[in-house]
């Protein structure tokens, strides 16, 4: 299960990224505590006094309590006396998250920054990057993922998938998954592994599940949903990938050498090695159960539409269970 700090402040002028972070928090919070464990303050109701009163109020809710506060870029330092005091005494089972969509002079007050830090919380800045700064930004993000990315390759990646920061970061994470830590990303890898197809996106999600990385699978699922991917489509291609892994596991358990199995897989060499390793670790029986769980979820999702929080919660629970094995 993910761990949560007492307070977060997410601010900046990249409003799309901030909206994505808010959606992700809401889904994680609902998975953790249900809808009854979330309180949202927005519009005229989002005042420092109201949030302070909520933090000081007794609650009989079971599990962690989440308070989501929008529009704090409208606040001023002078208004924060009651909230500052409440943050000093925030209950251990409560998480409050402040969102500031900054623009011009509308910014989260410095005093709020200080109060979140004193409460042991985290502050994240989501700033838009100028187009001419994207290659440098992309190289820095690649370094954080332990990838080597040259300027020409960074520009090739931007030309291939577009200039949206969220999308570029997801493609880097995909490259890290396939290539492994310390790998040098070249132009051929960009062409082969960052195709903007739904199949490749869903396969990346399936691979994190097969690797047993529940946290990465959860984060990737939420990202794909925020980018507009529909659950039925994701599930279809994920199921194809898991079925391939099941076939690999059956062959391995029957004594077929891994090198022979690899020759039957139409994918890059490193990706094939990873799939074979993950399939062997999980085993045919566990992968069969994963196929059945995905099939049940796919059947339940066939009502159409864009999907709501309940649908996402069911998918996250199934993904987490499958990743843990």
Protein backbone atom coordinates (compact mmCIF):
# COMPACT_ATOMS: atom_id res chain seq x y z
CA UNK A 1 0.00 0.00 0.00
CA UNK A 2 1.27 3.54 -0.69
CA UNK A 3 2.43 5.64 2.26
CA UNK A 4 1.14 9.17 2.77
CA UNK A 5 2.59 12.19 4.53
CA UNK A 6 0.54 14.58 6.62
CA UNK A 7 0.48 17.43 4.11
CA UNK A 8 1.27 18.21 0.48
CA UNK A 9 1.39 21.40 -1.55
CA UNK A 10 1.29 20.95 -5.33
CA UNK A 11 1.67 24.22 -7.20
CA UNK A 12 2.85 25.70 -10.48
CA UNK A 13 1.74 26.94 -13.90
CA UNK A 14 1.49 23.50 -15.55
CA UNK A 15 -2.25 23.27 -14.91
CA UNK A 16 -2.64 20.03 -16.86
CA UNK A 17 -0.06 18.25 -14.74
CA UNK A 18 -1.63 19.60 -11.55
CA UNK A 19 -5.06 18.31 -12.66
CA UNK A 20 -3.47 14.91 -13.32
CA UNK A 21 -1.92 14.88 -9.83
CA UNK A 22 -5.30 15.76 -8.31
CA UNK A 23 -7.06 12.96 -10.18
CA UNK A 24 -4.40 10.48 -9.14
CA UNK A 25 -4.70 11.49 -5.48
CA UNK A 26 -8.49 11.16 -5.56
CA UNK A 27 -8.27 7.64 -7.00
CA UNK A 28 -5.57 6.53 -4.56
CA UNK A 29 -7.52 8.03 -1.65
CA UNK A 30 -10.70 6.24 -2.67
CA UNK A 31 -8.80 2.98 -3.01
CA UNK A 32 -7.31 3.48 0.45
CA UNK A 33 -10.32 4.78 2.40
CA UNK A 34 -13.40 4.77 0.17
CA UNK A 35 -15.40 7.83 -0.83
CA UNK A 36 -16.39 8.47 2.78
CA UNK A 37 -12.75 9.12 3.66
CA UNK A 38 -12.34 12.09 1.30
CA UNK A 39 -13.33 15.72 1.91
CA UNK A 40 -12.99 18.25 -0.91
CA UNK A 41 -12.82 22.03 -0.54
CA UNK A 42 -13.12 24.06 -3.75
CA UNK A 43 -14.54 27.33 -4.99
CA UNK A 44 -15.92 29.66 -2.31
CA UNK A 45 -15.83 26.82 0.25
CA UNK A 46 -12.04 26.56 0.00
CA UNK A 47 -11.01 29.01 2.71
CA UNK A 48 -8.20 28.68 5.28
CA UNK A 49 -10.77 28.90 8.08
CA UNK A 50 -12.89 26.07 6.67
CA UNK A 51 -9.89 23.79 6.16
CA UNK A 52 -8.62 24.55 9.66
CA UNK A 53 -12.03 23.68 11.11
CA UNK A 54 -12.01 20.38 9.21
CA UNK A 55 -8.55 19.52 10.51
CA UNK A 56 -9.64 20.27 14.08
CA UNK A 57 -12.95 18.38 13.81
CA UNK A 58 -13.39 14.94 15.31
CA UNK A 59 -14.22 12.19 12.86
CA UNK A 60 -15.43 8.63 13.29
CA UNK A 61 -14.31 7.54 9.82
CA UNK A 62 -12.31 4.31 9.67
CA UNK A 63 -8.90 4.48 7.99
CA UNK A 64 -6.92 7.41 6.68
CA UNK A 65 -8.75 10.69 6.17
CA UNK A 66 -7.97 12.76 3.07
CA UNK A 67 -8.66 16.47 2.69
CA UNK A 68 -8.28 17.95 -0.81
CA UNK A 69 -8.09 21.73 -1.12
CA UNK A 70 -8.26 23.55 -4.48
CA UNK A 71 -7.56 27.16 -5.34
CA UNK A 72 -5.03 28.06 -2.65
CA UNK A 73 -3.37 30.44 -5.14
CA UNK A 74 -6.15 32.89 -4.11
CA UNK A 75 -5.11 32.87 -0.46
CA UNK A 76 -2.94 35.48 1.25
CA UNK A 77 -0.49 35.17 4.12
CA UNK A 78 -2.75 37.27 6.37
CA UNK A 79 -5.54 34.67 6.19
CA UNK A 80 -3.46 31.72 7.39
CA UNK A 81 -3.38 32.10 11.19
CA UNK A 82 -5.99 29.40 11.98
CA UNK A 83 -4.70 27.01 9.32
CA UNK A 84 -1.09 27.37 10.42
CA UNK A 85 -2.10 26.44 13.96
CA UNK A 86 -4.16 23.47 12.77
CA UNK A 87 -1.28 22.10 10.67
CA UNK A 88 0.93 22.05 13.75
CA UNK A 89 -1.50 19.60 15.38
CA UNK A 90 -2.57 17.56 12.35
CA UNK A 91 -3.74 14.06 13.38
CA UNK A 92 -1.45 11.19 12.31
CA UNK A 93 -4.18 9.49 10.26
CA UNK A 94 -4.98 12.62 8.21
CA UNK A 95 -3.52 13.83 4.89
CA UNK A 96 -4.31 17.29 3.56
CA UNK A 97 -3.29 18.27 0.02
CA UNK A 98 -3.31 21.84 -1.27
CA UNK A 99 -3.46 22.54 -5.03
CA UNK A 100 -2.44 25.90 -6.48
CA UNK A 101 -2.86 26.57 -10.21
CA UNK A 102 -0.55 29.53 -10.40
CA UNK A 103 -0.64 32.28 -13.01
CA UNK A 104 1.01 35.69 -12.85
CA UNK A 105 0.62 37.06 -9.34
CA UNK A 106 -1.77 34.30 -8.26
CA UNK A 107 0.55 32.04 -6.29
CA UNK A 108 0.43 29.84 -3.20
CA UNK A 109 1.37 32.02 -0.19
CA UNK A 110 4.90 31.63 1.15
CA UNK A 111 3.45 31.13 4.61
CA UNK A 112 1.59 28.06 3.35
CA UNK A 113 4.84 26.68 1.95
CA UNK A 114 6.45 27.11 5.37
CA UNK A 115 3.49 25.57 7.24
CA UNK A 116 3.48 22.46 5.03
CA UNK A 117 7.23 22.01 5.54
CA UNK A 118 6.89 22.37 9.33
CA UNK A 119 4.13 19.75 9.30
CA UNK A 120 6.57 17.28 7.72
CA UNK A 121 4.88 17.49 4.33
CA UNK A 122 6.09 17.62 0.75
CA UNK A 123 6.02 20.48 -1.76
CA UNK A 124 5.98 19.79 -5.50
CA UNK A 125 6.39 22.41 -8.19
CA UNK A 126 4.82 21.63 -11.57
CA UNK A 127 6.22 24.24 -13.94
CA UNK A 128 5.82 24.41 -17.69
CA UNK A 129 9.05 24.04 -19.62
CA UNK A 130 9.73 26.30 -22.59
CA UNK A 131 9.99 24.40 -25.91
CA UNK A 132 13.69 25.21 -26.34
CA UNK A 133 14.40 23.91 -22.82
CA UNK A 134 12.69 20.53 -23.35
CA UNK A 135 15.79 18.56 -24.50
CA UNK A 136 17.75 19.67 -21.42
CA UNK A 137 14.76 18.90 -19.18
CA UNK A 138 14.33 15.50 -20.80
CA UNK A 139 18.01 14.61 -20.31
CA UNK A 140 17.73 15.52 -16.62
CA UNK A 141 14.62 13.37 -16.18
CA UNK A 142 16.38 10.48 -17.96
CA UNK A 143 19.30 10.81 -15.55
CA UNK A 144 16.89 10.48 -12.63
CA UNK A 145 15.72 7.17 -14.16
CA UNK A 146 19.37 6.04 -14.60
CA UNK A 147 19.20 6.33 -18.39
CA UNK A 148 21.78 7.89 -20.70
CA UNK A 149 20.15 10.26 -23.19
CA UNK A 150 22.11 12.40 -25.66
CA UNK A 151 20.75 15.77 -26.91
CA UNK A 152 20.12 14.45 -30.45
CA UNK A 153 18.17 11.48 -29.06
CA UNK A 154 16.20 13.76 -26.74
CA UNK A 155 15.19 15.90 -29.72
CA UNK A 156 14.26 12.75 -31.67
CA UNK A 157 12.03 11.60 -28.81
CA UNK A 158 10.28 14.98 -28.69
CA UNK A 159 9.74 14.89 -32.46
CA UNK A 160 8.38 11.34 -32.22
CA UNK A 161 5.86 11.67 -29.37
CA UNK A 162 5.24 15.41 -29.02
CA UNK A 163 6.17 18.11 -26.51
CA UNK A 164 3.78 17.33 -23.62
CA UNK A 165 5.91 16.90 -20.51
CA UNK A 166 3.68 14.22 -18.98
CA UNK A 167 3.78 12.16 -22.16
CA UNK A 168 7.56 12.51 -22.50
CA UNK A 169 8.09 11.42 -18.91
CA UNK A 170 5.88 8.35 -19.42
CA UNK A 171 7.85 7.41 -22.53
CA UNK A 172 11.11 7.71 -20.58
CA UNK A 173 9.69 5.41 -17.91
CA UNK A 174 8.75 2.92 -20.64
CA UNK A 175 12.29 3.06 -22.01
CA UNK A 176 13.70 2.48 -18.53
CA UNK A 177 11.45 -0.54 -18.11
CA UNK A 178 12.55 -2.13 -21.38
CA UNK A 179 16.20 -1.10 -21.47
CA UNK A 180 17.13 -1.44 -17.81
CA UNK A 181 19.16 0.79 -15.51
CA UNK A 182 22.24 2.43 -16.93
CA UNK A 183 21.21 1.83 -20.54
CA UNK A 184 22.05 4.28 -23.29
CA UNK A 185 18.97 5.26 -25.28
CA UNK A 186 19.57 5.59 -29.02
CA UNK A 187 17.42 6.56 -31.98
CA UNK A 188 16.45 3.00 -32.85
CA UNK A 189 15.08 2.44 -29.35
CA UNK A 190 13.04 5.62 -29.63
CA UNK A 191 11.56 4.47 -32.93
CA UNK A 192 10.89 0.93 -31.74
CA UNK A 193 9.68 1.42 -28.18
CA UNK A 194 7.85 4.75 -28.12
CA UNK A 195 5.24 4.11 -30.79
CA UNK A 196 2.12 6.06 -29.77
CA UNK A 197 -0.17 3.03 -29.95
CA UNK A 198 -2.59 1.84 -27.30
CA UNK A 199 -1.01 -1.61 -27.59
CA UNK A 200 2.41 -0.42 -26.43
CA UNK A 201 0.93 1.60 -23.58
CA UNK A 202 -1.08 -1.36 -22.29
CA UNK A 203 1.86 -3.72 -22.74
CA UNK A 204 3.99 -1.45 -20.56
CA UNK A 205 1.33 -1.65 -17.87
CA UNK A 206 1.12 -5.44 -18.20
CA UNK A 207 4.91 -5.71 -17.92
CA UNK A 208 4.94 -3.83 -14.59
CA UNK A 209 2.29 -6.25 -13.31
CA UNK A 210 4.29 -9.26 -14.48
CA UNK A 211 7.37 -7.80 -12.78
CA UNK A 212 5.42 -7.72 -9.49
CA UNK A 213 5.82 -3.94 -9.17
CA UNK A 214 2.43 -2.91 -7.78
CA UNK A 215 3.47 0.72 -7.15
CA UNK A 216 4.71 1.23 -10.72
CA UNK A 217 1.64 -0.50 -12.14
CA UNK A 218 -0.67 1.74 -10.12
CA UNK A 219 1.15 4.92 -11.20
CA UNK A 220 1.21 3.88 -14.86
CA UNK A 221 -2.47 2.94 -14.88
CA UNK A 222 -3.45 6.31 -13.41
CA UNK A 223 -1.29 8.12 -15.96
CA UNK A 224 -2.81 6.25 -18.91
CA UNK A 225 -6.33 6.97 -17.66
CA UNK A 226 -5.50 10.66 -17.23
CA UNK A 227 -4.32 10.68 -20.86
CA UNK A 228 -7.73 9.49 -22.00
CA UNK A 229 -7.12 5.76 -22.41
CA UNK A 230 -10.33 3.76 -21.87
CA UNK A 231 -10.33 0.82 -19.50
CA UNK A 232 -11.75 -1.79 -21.95
CA UNK A 233 -9.01 -1.04 -24.48
CA UNK A 234 -6.27 -1.23 -21.86
CA UNK A 235 -7.61 -4.50 -20.53
CA UNK A 236 -7.80 -6.10 -23.97
CA UNK A 237 -4.13 -5.48 -24.75
CA UNK A 238 -3.01 -6.25 -21.20
CA UNK A 239 -4.74 -9.60 -21.44
CA UNK A 240 -2.90 -10.37 -24.69
CA UNK A 241 0.43 -9.66 -22.99
CA UNK A 242 -0.38 -11.78 -19.94
CA UNK A 243 -1.53 -14.65 -22.17
CA UNK A 244 1.83 -14.50 -23.93
CA UNK A 245 3.56 -14.65 -20.55
CA UNK A 246 1.39 -17.64 -19.62
CA UNK A 247 2.44 -19.45 -22.80
CA UNK A 248 6.07 -18.74 -21.93
CA UNK A 249 5.61 -20.05 -18.39
CA UNK A 250 3.94 -23.24 -19.66
CA UNK A 251 6.83 -23.82 -22.07
CA UNK A 252 9.47 -23.23 -19.39
CA UNK A 253 7.73 -25.58 -16.97
CA UNK A 254 7.63 -28.20 -19.73
CA UNK A 255 11.42 -28.02 -19.98
CA UNK A 256 11.76 -25.89 -23.13
CA UNK A 257 15.05 -23.93 -22.96
CA UNK A 258 14.69 -20.19 -22.43
CA UNK A 259 16.73 -19.45 -25.57
CA UNK A 260 14.28 -21.49 -27.65
CA UNK A 261 11.30 -19.72 -26.07
CA UNK A 262 12.92 -16.36 -26.77
CA UNK A 263 13.08 -17.08 -30.51
CA UNK A 264 9.29 -17.33 -30.61
CA UNK A 265 8.76 -13.85 -29.11
CA UNK A 266 8.43 -10.93 -31.50
CA UNK A 267 9.86 -8.17 -29.33
CA UNK A 268 13.22 -6.50 -28.57
CA UNK A 269 15.83 -8.79 -27.02
CA UNK A 270 15.90 -7.12 -23.59
CA UNK A 271 12.13 -7.00 -23.42
CA UNK A 272 11.96 -10.72 -24.29
CA UNK A 273 14.51 -11.56 -21.60
CA UNK A 274 12.49 -9.59 -19.06
CA UNK A 275 9.21 -11.23 -20.06
CA UNK A 276 10.76 -14.72 -19.83
CA UNK A 277 12.20 -13.93 -16.39
CA UNK A 278 8.92 -12.49 -15.11
CA UNK A 279 6.88 -15.38 -16.53
CA UNK A 280 9.20 -17.92 -14.92
CA UNK A 281 8.99 -16.13 -11.58
CA UNK A 282 5.19 -15.93 -11.61
CA UNK A 283 4.53 -19.45 -12.92
CA UNK A 284 1.78 -20.74 -15.18
CA UNK A 285 -0.80 -21.25 -12.42
CA UNK A 286 -0.52 -17.68 -11.10
CA UNK A 287 -0.60 -16.22 -14.60
CA UNK A 288 -3.76 -18.21 -15.35
CA UNK A 289 -5.40 -16.61 -12.31
CA UNK A 290 -4.28 -13.18 -13.56
CA UNK A 291 -5.82 -13.87 -16.98
CA UNK A 292 -9.11 -14.83 -15.32
CA UNK A 293 -9.09 -11.71 -13.11
CA UNK A 294 -8.47 -9.45 -16.12
CA UNK A 295 -11.20 -11.22 -18.08
CA UNK A 296 -13.71 -10.62 -15.27
CA UNK A 297 -12.71 -6.96 -15.07
CA UNK A 298 -12.96 -6.62 -18.86
CA UNK A 299 -16.45 -8.09 -18.83
CA UNK A 300 -17.52 -5.70 -16.07
CA UNK A 301 -16.15 -2.70 -17.99
CA UNK A 302 -18.06 -3.29 -21.22
CA UNK A 303 -20.79 -0.83 -20.34
CA UNK A 304 -18.94 1.85 -22.32
CA UNK A 305 -18.39 5.43 -21.32
CA UNK A 306 -15.22 7.03 -20.02
CA UNK A 307 -15.36 5.26 -16.68
CA UNK A 308 -15.73 6.70 -13.24
CA UNK A 309 -13.89 6.52 -9.95
CA UNK A 310 -15.63 3.24 -9.06
CA UNK A 311 -14.40 1.61 -12.24
CA UNK A 312 -10.88 2.88 -11.62
CA UNK A 313 -10.97 1.65 -8.03
CA UNK A 314 -11.96 -1.86 -9.14
CA UNK A 315 -9.19 -1.84 -11.76
CA UNK A 316 -6.58 -0.65 -9.27
CA UNK A 317 -7.52 -3.34 -6.77
CA UNK A 318 -7.29 -6.02 -9.47
CA UNK A 319 -3.95 -4.66 -10.72
CA UNK A 320 -2.50 -4.51 -7.22
CA UNK A 321 -3.62 -8.08 -6.46
CA UNK A 322 -2.21 -9.36 -9.75
CA UNK A 323 1.12 -7.57 -9.25
CA UNK A 324 1.54 -8.93 -5.75
CA UNK A 325 0.67 -12.42 -6.95
